[in-house]
Amino acid sequence: MQPSLPFELRESQEPREPEYIRHPRARRYVVRVRVDGSVRVTIPRWGTKREASAFADSQRAWIDRQRARMARERAVAREELPLEVVRALRTRALGELPPRLLQLASAHGLRVSRVSVRNQKWRWGSCSPNGHICLNWRLVQVPAWVRDYVMVHELMHLRRLDHSKAFWKLVAAAFPEYREARAWLRAAEYLLASG
């Protein structure tokens, strides 16, 4: 039996007000729908909350579609995957994950000694002291931005092999929305037990 999610979206639930976050490096307004259905609006340093609110309102249909898609993905992910689907996903993971990791490594000026794609049941990725990064094949089942967070997280371990404040500062600089990605992964832990 798959563990249940810590929350459930219901049609009757009152939509919450978006959270507005000003980010000095943002170049435009960005709307992100979190896994729990809440909305975060990033405001560039030149922007205003009024404009951000108007932008969020203009994206209402997209926000509703994202919420519905996330609900569908969670429902599908709870089912046990047939063996042929698992094989296809693992093949896809081998073809997609290592090149993307190396692309991100290059963008951050980092060198990876080796990349493996494995069947890990309790973590999304790992990094060894010698620069060998292992990625969980199930990452092909998560949104691209969450997948990138996992890769960036492991890449930052090439600079600091711990989870100290200094490490999280590196992660925040490389991936400002890491908290949202971590929340998504916490809510989707049941994926680790699938397949």
Foldseek 3Di string as FASTA:
>chain_A
DFDAFPADDDPPDDADDAAEAEDAPDPQWDWDQFLRLHIYIYAYPPGDVVVSNVVVVVCVVVSVVVNVVSNVLLVVLLDADDPVVVVVLLVVLVVPVPVVLVVLCVVVVHDAPEEAEDLALQDQWAADQVRYIYGYSLLVSDDPLLSVLVSLLRRLVPVPVDPDPVSVVSSCVSRVCSVSSVSRCVRVSSSSNHD
